[in-house]
Amino acid sequence: MRRLSLFPALLLACTGLALSPAADAGGSAGTRAHAQAATIGPSGLPLPRFVSLKAQRVNLRIGPGRDYAVAWLYTRSGVPMEVIQEYDNWRRVRDAEGTEGWVYQSLLSGERTAVTAPWMRGVDKQEFIDMHREARTNAAVVARLEPGVVIRVKACDGEWCDAQADGVNGWVAQDEIWGAYPGEAFK
């Protein structure tokens, strides 16, 4: 069994803006309502939806265009984002911490990733998210993930997600990640 901590510094503050806590990070009723009220955006894809950062360096802007100021700089590909609005080739996104801004669509990927229990980061250093060999609570634990670990999500069945973290494959409870809506199933 391995213990993984994969969440290096993702953001560099480009302005004096403070990072606000995520109101819906833990899968609250607000997030569930948002997911259930999915509509089709101008791109033909559902809103809201989860994606990930494709590029190693991504500017998060305060508006949908290169003329708008950069609020944050993400310095790691694979970070999960929730697309909440579309305008032309720009996507308004929200990260696991609740920070919102605009990203050019070519910097986003449809590959699904997630963050393990970001709402638990800094709360209790002894809390871990178990990655199991099979999609059941009493299955063998193959890794213990710290809150904030970015994982690659291959599929979810509404309760469990088939995931990979640092080369370890296993199953994580869907309610312990940010990057899949409660009850969402996909392959």
C-alpha atoms as a PDB file:
ATOM      1  CA  MET A   1       0.000   0.000   0.000  1.00  0.00           C
ATOM      2  CA  ARG A   2       1.324   3.432  -0.934  1.00  0.00           C
ATOM      3  CA  ARG A   3       0.633   6.854   0.494  1.00  0.00           C
ATOM      4  CA  LEU A   4       0.524   9.537  -2.165  1.00  0.00           C
ATOM      5  CA  SER A   5       0.810  13.289  -1.975  1.00  0.00           C
ATOM      6  CA  LEU A   6       0.802  14.648  -5.517  1.00  0.00           C
ATOM      7  CA  PHE A   7      -0.591  18.173  -5.201  1.00  0.00           C
ATOM      8  CA  PRO A   8       2.387  20.505  -5.644  1.00  0.00           C
ATOM      9  CA  ALA A   9       1.823  24.214  -5.833  1.00  0.00           C
ATOM     10  CA  LEU A  10      -0.641  24.658  -8.672  1.00  0.00           C
ATOM     11  CA  LEU A  11      -1.147  28.370  -8.601  1.00  0.00           C
ATOM     12  CA  LEU A  12       1.071  31.373  -8.659  1.00  0.00           C
ATOM     13  CA  ALA A  13      -0.685  34.544  -7.675  1.00  0.00           C
ATOM     14  CA  CYS A  14      -0.348  37.022 -10.498  1.00  0.00           C
ATOM     15  CA  THR A  15      -2.289  39.681  -8.677  1.00  0.00           C
ATOM     16  CA  GLY A  16      -3.028  40.501  -5.083  1.00  0.00           C
ATOM     17  CA  LEU A  17      -6.291  38.539  -5.228  1.00  0.00           C
ATOM     18  CA  ALA A  18      -6.908  36.087  -2.418  1.00  0.00           C
ATOM     19  CA  LEU A  19      -8.071  32.547  -3.082  1.00  0.00           C
ATOM     20  CA  SER A  20     -11.621  32.168  -1.868  1.00  0.00           C
ATOM     21  CA  PRO A  21     -12.869  28.910  -0.317  1.00  0.00           C
ATOM     22  CA  ALA A  22     -15.053  26.735  -2.477  1.00  0.00           C
ATOM     23  CA  ALA A  23     -18.676  26.992  -1.502  1.00  0.00           C
ATOM     24  CA  ASP A  24     -19.577  23.783  -3.345  1.00  0.00           C
ATOM     25  CA  ALA A  25     -16.315  21.811  -3.172  1.00  0.00           C
ATOM     26  CA  GLY A  26     -17.724  19.057  -1.002  1.00  0.00           C
ATOM     27  CA  GLY A  27     -20.595  18.138  -3.286  1.00  0.00           C
ATOM     28  CA  SER A  28     -23.168  20.285  -1.517  1.00  0.00           C
ATOM     29  CA  ALA A  29     -26.744  20.717  -2.675  1.00  0.00           C
ATOM     30  CA  GLY A  30     -25.589  23.681  -4.798  1.00  0.00           C
ATOM     31  CA  THR A  31     -23.225  21.511  -6.833  1.00  0.00           C
ATOM     32  CA  ARG A  32     -25.821  18.743  -7.202  1.00  0.00           C
ATOM     33  CA  ALA A  33     -28.435  21.244  -8.374  1.00  0.00           C
ATOM     34  CA  HIS A  34     -25.931  22.736 -10.823  1.00  0.00           C
ATOM     35  CA  ALA A  35     -25.122  19.316 -12.269  1.00  0.00           C
ATOM     36  CA  GLN A  36     -28.778  18.277 -12.502  1.00  0.00           C
ATOM     37  CA  ALA A  37     -29.661  21.529 -14.266  1.00  0.00           C
ATOM     38  CA  ALA A  38     -27.133  20.895 -17.054  1.00  0.00           C
ATOM     39  CA  THR A  39     -27.894  22.701 -20.293  1.00  0.00           C
ATOM     40  CA  ILE A  40     -26.238  22.625 -23.696  1.00  0.00           C
ATOM     41  CA  GLY A  41     -23.759  25.445 -24.267  1.00  0.00           C
ATOM     42  CA  PRO A  42     -22.966  27.184 -27.584  1.00  0.00           C
ATOM     43  CA  SER A  43     -20.257  24.541 -28.208  1.00  0.00           C
ATOM     44  CA  GLY A  44     -22.884  21.798 -28.167  1.00  0.00           C
ATOM     45  CA  LEU A  45     -21.429  20.384 -24.943  1.00  0.00           C
ATOM     46  CA  PRO A  46     -23.229  20.305 -21.576  1.00  0.00           C
ATOM     47  CA  LEU A  47     -22.884  23.083 -19.015  1.00  0.00           C
ATOM     48  CA  PRO A  48     -21.648  22.616 -16.399  1.00  0.00           C
ATOM     49  CA  ARG A  49     -19.077  19.894 -17.140  1.00  0.00           C
ATOM     50  CA  PHE A  50     -15.667  18.806 -15.888  1.00  0.00           C
ATOM     51  CA  VAL A  51     -12.490  19.078 -17.976  1.00  0.00           C
ATOM     52  CA  SER A  52      -8.781  19.378 -17.173  1.00  0.00           C
ATOM     53  CA  LEU A  53      -5.968  21.739 -18.058  1.00  0.00           C
ATOM     54  CA  LYS A  54      -4.106  20.566 -21.168  1.00  0.00           C
ATOM     55  CA  ALA A  55      -1.144  22.931 -21.015  1.00  0.00           C
ATOM     56  CA  GLN A  56       1.641  23.169 -18.442  1.00  0.00           C
ATOM     57  CA  ARG A  57       1.057  26.916 -18.010  1.00  0.00           C
ATOM     58  CA  VAL A  58      -2.461  28.360 -18.204  1.00  0.00           C
ATOM     59  CA  ASN A  59      -3.542  31.927 -17.562  1.00  0.00           C
ATOM     60  CA  LEU A  60      -6.850  32.391 -15.767  1.00  0.00           C
ATOM     61  CA  ARG A  61      -8.226  35.739 -16.932  1.00  0.00           C
ATOM     62  CA  ILE A  62     -10.871  37.988 -15.411  1.00  0.00           C
ATOM     63  CA  GLY A  63     -12.763  38.145 -18.717  1.00  0.00           C
ATOM     64  CA  PRO A  64     -13.157  36.235 -22.005  1.00  0.00           C
ATOM     65  CA  GLY A  65     -10.294  37.664 -24.055  1.00  0.00           C
ATOM     66  CA  ARG A  66      -6.547  38.260 -24.145  1.00  0.00           C
ATOM     67  CA  ASP A  67      -7.138  41.934 -23.340  1.00  0.00           C
ATOM     68  CA  TYR A  68      -8.378  40.995 -19.845  1.00  0.00           C
ATOM     69  CA  ALA A  69      -5.955  40.856 -16.921  1.00  0.00           C
ATOM     70  CA  VAL A  70      -4.499  37.557 -15.711  1.00  0.00           C
ATOM     71  CA  ALA A  71      -5.777  36.716 -12.236  1.00  0.00           C
ATOM     72  CA  TRP A  72      -3.936  33.386 -11.750  1.00  0.00           C
ATOM     73  CA  LEU A  73      -1.322  31.269 -13.462  1.00  0.00           C
ATOM     74  CA  TYR A  74      -1.735  27.487 -13.266  1.00  0.00           C
ATOM     75  CA  THR A  75       1.610  25.725 -13.578  1.00  0.00           C
ATOM     76  CA  ARG A  76       0.578  22.097 -13.979  1.00  0.00           C
ATOM     77  CA  SER A  77      -1.338  20.233 -16.647  1.00  0.00           C
ATOM     78  CA  GLY A  78      -4.080  17.833 -15.598  1.00  0.00           C
ATOM     79  CA  VAL A  79      -5.696  20.107 -13.007  1.00  0.00           C
ATOM     80  CA  PRO A  80      -9.474  19.511 -13.013  1.00  0.00           C
ATOM     81  CA  MET A  81     -11.750  22.432 -13.905  1.00  0.00           C
ATOM     82  CA  GLU A  82     -15.497  22.829 -14.081  1.00  0.00           C
ATOM     83  CA  VAL A  83     -16.710  24.683 -17.191  1.00  0.00           C
ATOM     84  CA  ILE A  84     -19.626  26.856 -16.086  1.00  0.00           C
ATOM     85  CA  GLN A  85     -20.042  29.239 -19.041  1.00  0.00           C
ATOM     86  CA  GLU A  86     -18.962  29.615 -22.674  1.00  0.00           C
ATOM     87  CA  TYR A  87     -18.359  32.699 -24.759  1.00  0.00           C
ATOM     88  CA  ASP A  88     -16.954  32.292 -28.267  1.00  0.00           C
ATOM     89  CA  ASN A  89     -13.688  30.276 -27.795  1.00  0.00           C
ATOM     90  CA  TRP A  90     -13.431  31.138 -24.101  1.00  0.00           C
ATOM     91  CA  ARG A  91     -14.590  29.022 -21.186  1.00  0.00           C
ATOM     92  CA  ARG A  92     -15.448  30.327 -17.740  1.00  0.00           C
ATOM     93  CA  VAL A  93     -14.085  27.740 -15.327  1.00  0.00           C
ATOM     94  CA  ARG A  94     -14.054  27.041 -11.607  1.00  0.00           C
ATOM     95  CA  ASP A  95     -11.291  25.118  -9.815  1.00  0.00           C
ATOM     96  CA  ALA A  96     -11.544  22.918  -6.722  1.00  0.00           C
ATOM     97  CA  GLU A  97     -10.852  25.922  -4.472  1.00  0.00           C
ATOM     98  CA  GLY A  98     -13.771  27.871  -5.979  1.00  0.00           C
ATOM     99  CA  THR A  99     -11.641  30.320  -7.976  1.00  0.00           C
ATOM    100  CA  GLU A 100     -13.364  31.347 -11.217  1.00  0.00           C
ATOM    101  CA  GLY A 101     -12.073  32.935 -14.388  1.00  0.00           C
ATOM    102  CA  TRP A 102     -11.758  32.571 -18.155  1.00  0.00           C
ATOM    103  CA  VAL A 103      -9.478  30.191 -20.088  1.00  0.00           C
ATOM    104  CA  TYR A 104      -9.019  29.851 -23.846  1.00  0.00           C
ATOM    105  CA  GLN A 105     -10.703  26.595 -24.926  1.00  0.00           C
ATOM    106  CA  SER A 106      -7.625  25.096 -26.635  1.00  0.00           C
ATOM    107  CA  LEU A 107      -5.880  25.004 -23.230  1.00  0.00           C
ATOM    108  CA  LEU A 108      -8.521  22.595 -21.893  1.00  0.00           C
ATOM    109  CA  SER A 109      -8.793  18.851 -22.397  1.00  0.00           C
ATOM    110  CA  GLY A 110     -11.782  16.530 -22.196  1.00  0.00           C
ATOM    111  CA  GLU A 111      -9.631  14.120 -20.148  1.00  0.00           C
ATOM    112  CA  ARG A 112     -11.208  13.686 -16.733  1.00  0.00           C
ATOM    113  CA  THR A 113      -9.154  14.283 -13.640  1.00  0.00           C
ATOM    114  CA  ALA A 114     -10.192  14.970 -10.063  1.00  0.00           C
ATOM    115  CA  VAL A 115      -8.831  16.225  -6.752  1.00  0.00           C
ATOM    116  CA  THR A 116      -9.200  14.018  -3.687  1.00  0.00           C
ATOM    117  CA  ALA A 117     -11.264  15.690  -0.969  1.00  0.00           C
ATOM    118  CA  PRO A 118     -10.014  19.279  -1.420  1.00  0.00           C
ATOM    119  CA  TRP A 119     -12.425  20.337   1.342  1.00  0.00           C
ATOM    120  CA  MET A 120     -10.283  18.336   3.819  1.00  0.00           C
ATOM    121  CA  ARG A 121      -6.951  20.009   2.957  1.00  0.00           C
ATOM    122  CA  GLY A 122      -5.408  21.507   6.059  1.00  0.00           C
ATOM    123  CA  VAL A 123      -8.240  20.296   8.311  1.00  0.00           C
ATOM    124  CA  ASP A 124      -6.731  17.121   9.765  1.00  0.00           C
ATOM    125  CA  LYS A 125      -3.325  15.866   8.679  1.00  0.00           C
ATOM    126  CA  GLN A 126      -4.305  12.275   9.613  1.00  0.00           C
ATOM    127  CA  GLU A 127      -7.219  11.974   7.165  1.00  0.00           C
ATOM    128  CA  PHE A 128      -6.654   9.988   3.960  1.00  0.00           C
ATOM    129  CA  ILE A 129      -8.771   8.877   1.049  1.00  0.00           C
ATOM    130  CA  ASP A 130      -8.474   5.139   0.431  1.00  0.00           C
ATOM    131  CA  MET A 131      -7.974   3.821  -3.096  1.00  0.00           C
ATOM    132  CA  HIS A 132      -9.342   0.271  -3.220  1.00  0.00           C
ATOM    133  CA  ARG A 133      -8.500  -2.685  -5.466  1.00  0.00           C
ATOM    134  CA  GLU A 134     -12.222  -3.067  -6.289  1.00  0.00           C
ATOM    135  CA  ALA A 135     -15.249  -0.778  -6.199  1.00  0.00           C
ATOM    136  CA  ARG A 136     -16.360  -1.606  -2.673  1.00  0.00           C
ATOM    137  CA  THR A 137     -15.561  -0.254   0.775  1.00  0.00           C
ATOM    138  CA  ASN A 138     -14.266  -3.546   2.176  1.00  0.00           C
ATOM    139  CA  ALA A 139     -11.910  -4.238  -0.779  1.00  0.00           C
ATOM    140  CA  ALA A 140      -8.150  -4.182  -0.200  1.00  0.00           C
ATOM    141  CA  VAL A 141      -6.606  -0.704  -0.029  1.00  0.00           C
ATOM    142  CA  VAL A 142      -3.927  -0.186  -2.701  1.00  0.00           C
ATOM    143  CA  ALA A 143      -3.059   3.429  -1.788  1.00  0.00           C
ATOM    144  CA  ARG A 144      -3.908   6.075   0.788  1.00  0.00           C
ATOM    145  CA  LEU A 145      -4.249   9.491  -0.824  1.00  0.00           C
ATOM    146  CA  GLU A 146      -3.829  12.770   0.981  1.00  0.00           C
ATOM    147  CA  PRO A 147      -6.516  15.405   0.426  1.00  0.00           C
ATOM    148  CA  GLY A 148      -5.601  17.470  -2.632  1.00  0.00           C
ATOM    149  CA  VAL A 149      -4.027  14.707  -4.737  1.00  0.00           C
ATOM    150  CA  VAL A 150      -4.789  15.053  -8.469  1.00  0.00           C
ATOM    151  CA  ILE A 151      -5.913  11.740  -9.950  1.00  0.00           C
ATOM    152  CA  ARG A 152      -6.764  10.635 -13.494  1.00  0.00           C
ATOM    153  CA  VAL A 153     -10.352   9.381 -13.678  1.00  0.00           C
ATOM    154  CA  LYS A 154     -11.044   6.661 -16.241  1.00  0.00           C
ATOM    155  CA  ALA A 155     -14.720   6.037 -15.446  1.00  0.00           C
ATOM    156  CA  CYS A 156     -17.357   6.509 -12.744  1.00  0.00           C
ATOM    157  CA  ASP A 157     -20.490   4.478 -12.048  1.00  0.00           C
ATOM    158  CA  GLY A 158     -22.278   6.987  -9.816  1.00  0.00           C
ATOM    159  CA  GLU A 159     -20.729   5.707  -6.578  1.00  0.00           C
ATOM    160  CA  TRP A 160     -17.139   4.707  -7.418  1.00  0.00           C
ATOM    161  CA  CYS A 161     -14.528   6.014  -9.849  1.00  0.00           C
ATOM    162  CA  ASP A 162     -11.865   3.922 -11.569  1.00  0.00           C
ATOM    163  CA  ALA A 163      -8.776   6.091 -11.145  1.00  0.00           C
ATOM    164  CA  GLN A 164      -5.017   6.289 -11.375  1.00  0.00           C
ATOM    165  CA  ALA A 165      -2.606   8.174  -9.119  1.00  0.00           C
ATOM    166  CA  ASP A 166       1.149   8.109  -9.673  1.00  0.00           C
ATOM    167  CA  GLY A 167       0.959   4.805 -11.551  1.00  0.00           C
ATOM    168  CA  VAL A 168      -1.336   3.143  -8.993  1.00  0.00           C
ATOM    169  CA  ASN A 169      -4.724   1.989 -10.304  1.00  0.00           C
ATOM    170  CA  GLY A 170      -7.765   1.512  -8.128  1.00  0.00           C
ATOM    171  CA  TRP A 171     -11.218   2.682  -7.118  1.00  0.00           C
ATOM    172  CA  VAL A 172     -12.065   5.832  -5.140  1.00  0.00           C
ATOM    173  CA  ALA A 173     -15.465   6.659  -3.664  1.00  0.00           C
ATOM    174  CA  GLN A 174     -17.069   9.267  -5.907  1.00  0.00           C
ATOM    175  CA  ASP A 175     -18.157  11.406  -2.940  1.00  0.00           C
ATOM    176  CA  GLU A 176     -14.496  11.764  -1.881  1.00  0.00           C
ATOM    177  CA  ILE A 177     -13.354  13.573  -5.033  1.00  0.00           C
ATOM    178  CA  TRP A 178     -13.957  16.894  -6.794  1.00  0.00           C
ATOM    179  CA  GLY A 179     -14.140  16.263 -10.531  1.00  0.00           C
ATOM    180  CA  ALA A 180     -17.273  14.143 -10.933  1.00  0.00           C
ATOM    181  CA  TYR A 181     -20.808  15.133 -10.012  1.00  0.00           C
ATOM    182  CA  PRO A 182     -22.709  13.124  -7.390  1.00  0.00           C
ATOM    183  CA  GLY A 183     -24.365  10.204  -9.144  1.00  0.00           C
ATOM    184  CA  GLU A 184     -22.665  10.959 -12.494  1.00  0.00           C
ATOM    185  CA  ALA A 185     -21.741   7.881 -14.543  1.00  0.00           C
ATOM    186  CA  PHE A 186     -19.368   7.926 -17.518  1.00  0.00           C
ATOM    187  CA  LYS A 187     -16.739   5.829 -19.295  1.00  0.00           C
END
